[in-house]
C-alpha atoms as a PDB file:
ATOM      1  CA  MET A   1      16.626 -15.242  19.351  1.00  0.00           C
ATOM      2  CA  ASP A   2      14.381 -11.944  20.126  1.00  0.00           C
ATOM      3  CA  ALA A   3      11.035 -12.657  21.319  1.00  0.00           C
ATOM      4  CA  PHE A   4       8.950 -11.388  17.800  1.00  0.00           C
ATOM      5  CA  SER A   5      11.647 -14.197  16.114  1.00  0.00           C
ATOM      6  CA  GLU A   6      10.420 -16.979  19.121  1.00  0.00           C
ATOM      7  CA  LYS A   7       6.968 -16.601  18.819  1.00  0.00           C
ATOM      8  CA  THR A   8       6.876 -16.312  14.850  1.00  0.00           C
ATOM      9  CA  ALA A   9       8.908 -20.034  14.996  1.00  0.00           C
ATOM     10  CA  HIS A  10       6.073 -21.582  17.453  1.00  0.00           C
ATOM     11  CA  GLY A  11       3.588 -20.492  15.110  1.00  0.00           C
ATOM     12  CA  LEU A  12       2.176 -18.233  17.976  1.00  0.00           C
ATOM     13  CA  PRO A  13       0.459 -14.509  16.091  1.00  0.00           C
ATOM     14  CA  LEU A  14       1.734 -11.297  17.122  1.00  0.00           C
ATOM     15  CA  ASN A  15      -0.243  -8.960  18.948  1.00  0.00           C
ATOM     16  CA  ARG A  16      -1.052  -5.634  17.851  1.00  0.00           C
ATOM     17  CA  TYR A  17       1.707  -3.666  20.398  1.00  0.00           C
ATOM     18  CA  GLU A  18       4.520  -6.397  19.103  1.00  0.00           C
ATOM     19  CA  ASN A  19       2.907  -5.492  15.412  1.00  0.00           C
ATOM     20  CA  PHE A  20       2.982  -1.831  16.181  1.00  0.00           C
ATOM     21  CA  SER A  21       6.587  -2.386  17.609  1.00  0.00           C
ATOM     22  CA  LEU A  22       8.069  -4.285  14.549  1.00  0.00           C
ATOM     23  CA  GLY A  23       6.368  -1.514  12.166  1.00  0.00           C
ATOM     24  CA  MET A  24       7.806   0.897  13.458  1.00  0.00           C
ATOM     25  CA  MET A  25      11.249  -0.901  13.298  1.00  0.00           C
ATOM     26  CA  TYR A  26      11.065  -1.529   9.717  1.00  0.00           C
ATOM     27  CA  LEU A  27       9.821   2.082   9.748  1.00  0.00           C
ATOM     28  CA  HIS A  28      13.234   3.973  10.867  1.00  0.00           C
ATOM     29  CA  GLY A  29      15.580   0.956  10.307  1.00  0.00           C
ATOM     30  CA  TYR A  30      15.551   0.713  14.054  1.00  0.00           C
ATOM     31  CA  GLY A  31      17.652  -2.898  14.325  1.00  0.00           C
ATOM     32  CA  VAL A  32      16.791  -4.237  10.777  1.00  0.00           C
ATOM     33  CA  PRO A  33      17.080  -2.504   7.582  1.00  0.00           C
ATOM     34  CA  LYS A  34      14.634   0.319   6.848  1.00  0.00           C
ATOM     35  CA  ASN A  35      11.681  -1.350   4.680  1.00  0.00           C
ATOM     36  CA  PRO A  36       8.176   0.413   4.388  1.00  0.00           C
ATOM     37  CA  VAL A  37       6.476  -2.001   2.391  1.00  0.00           C
ATOM     38  CA  LEU A  38       6.651  -4.683   5.875  1.00  0.00           C
ATOM     39  CA  ALA A  39       6.468  -1.459   8.257  1.00  0.00           C
ATOM     40  CA  ARG A  40       2.860  -0.940   6.007  1.00  0.00           C
ATOM     41  CA  GLU A  41       2.183  -4.686   6.539  1.00  0.00           C
ATOM     42  CA  TYR A  42       2.400  -4.475  10.122  1.00  0.00           C
ATOM     43  CA  LEU A  43       1.051  -1.628  10.580  1.00  0.00           C
ATOM     44  CA  GLN A  44      -1.512  -2.509   9.124  1.00  0.00           C
ATOM     45  CA  LYS A  45      -2.187  -5.065  11.667  1.00  0.00           C
ATOM     46  CA  SER A  46      -1.803  -3.518  14.866  1.00  0.00           C
ATOM     47  CA  ALA A  47      -3.887  -0.913  12.747  1.00  0.00           C
ATOM     48  CA  SER A  48      -6.621  -3.280  11.705  1.00  0.00           C
ATOM     49  CA  ALA A  49      -6.882  -4.424  15.636  1.00  0.00           C
ATOM     50  CA  GLY A  50      -7.602  -1.129  17.676  1.00  0.00           C
ATOM     51  CA  LEU A  51      -4.269   0.320  17.829  1.00  0.00           C
ATOM     52  CA  ASP A  52      -4.888   4.260  17.736  1.00  0.00           C
ATOM     53  CA  GLU A  53      -0.878   5.055  17.249  1.00  0.00           C
ATOM     54  CA  ALA A  54      -0.693   2.372  14.614  1.00  0.00           C
ATOM     55  CA  GLN A  55      -3.599   3.980  12.659  1.00  0.00           C
ATOM     56  CA  TYR A  56      -1.753   7.654  12.895  1.00  0.00           C
ATOM     57  CA  GLU A  57       1.084   5.748  11.230  1.00  0.00           C
ATOM     58  CA  LEU A  58      -0.133   4.170   8.662  1.00  0.00           C
ATOM     59  CA  GLY A  59      -2.241   7.366   7.638  1.00  0.00           C
ATOM     60  CA  ALA A  60       0.962   9.109   7.426  1.00  0.00           C
ATOM     61  CA  LEU A  61       2.677   6.217   5.146  1.00  0.00           C
ATOM     62  CA  TYR A  62      -0.350   6.982   2.808  1.00  0.00           C
ATOM     63  CA  TYR A  63       0.077  10.755   3.002  1.00  0.00           C
ATOM     64  CA  HIS A  64       3.523  10.370   1.705  1.00  0.00           C
ATOM     65  CA  GLY A  65       3.325   8.203  -0.473  1.00  0.00           C
ATOM     66  CA  VAL A  66       4.535   4.465   0.660  1.00  0.00           C
ATOM     67  CA  GLU A  67       3.813   2.152  -1.170  1.00  0.00           C
END
């Protein structure tokens, strides 16, 4: 079981860096199937928490027309 699964299985929230990492994994298909919708969801959580990198990536997703 990976760290993300373990935290969520115990009902623990992910921090902004973990949300960003998951968003990028789903965006590029690193270890998971590519899923831009899930990528946007995780990046939004991270961006809302104030992570600059997530705000940039989220803006790029919107610019390129991800649903």
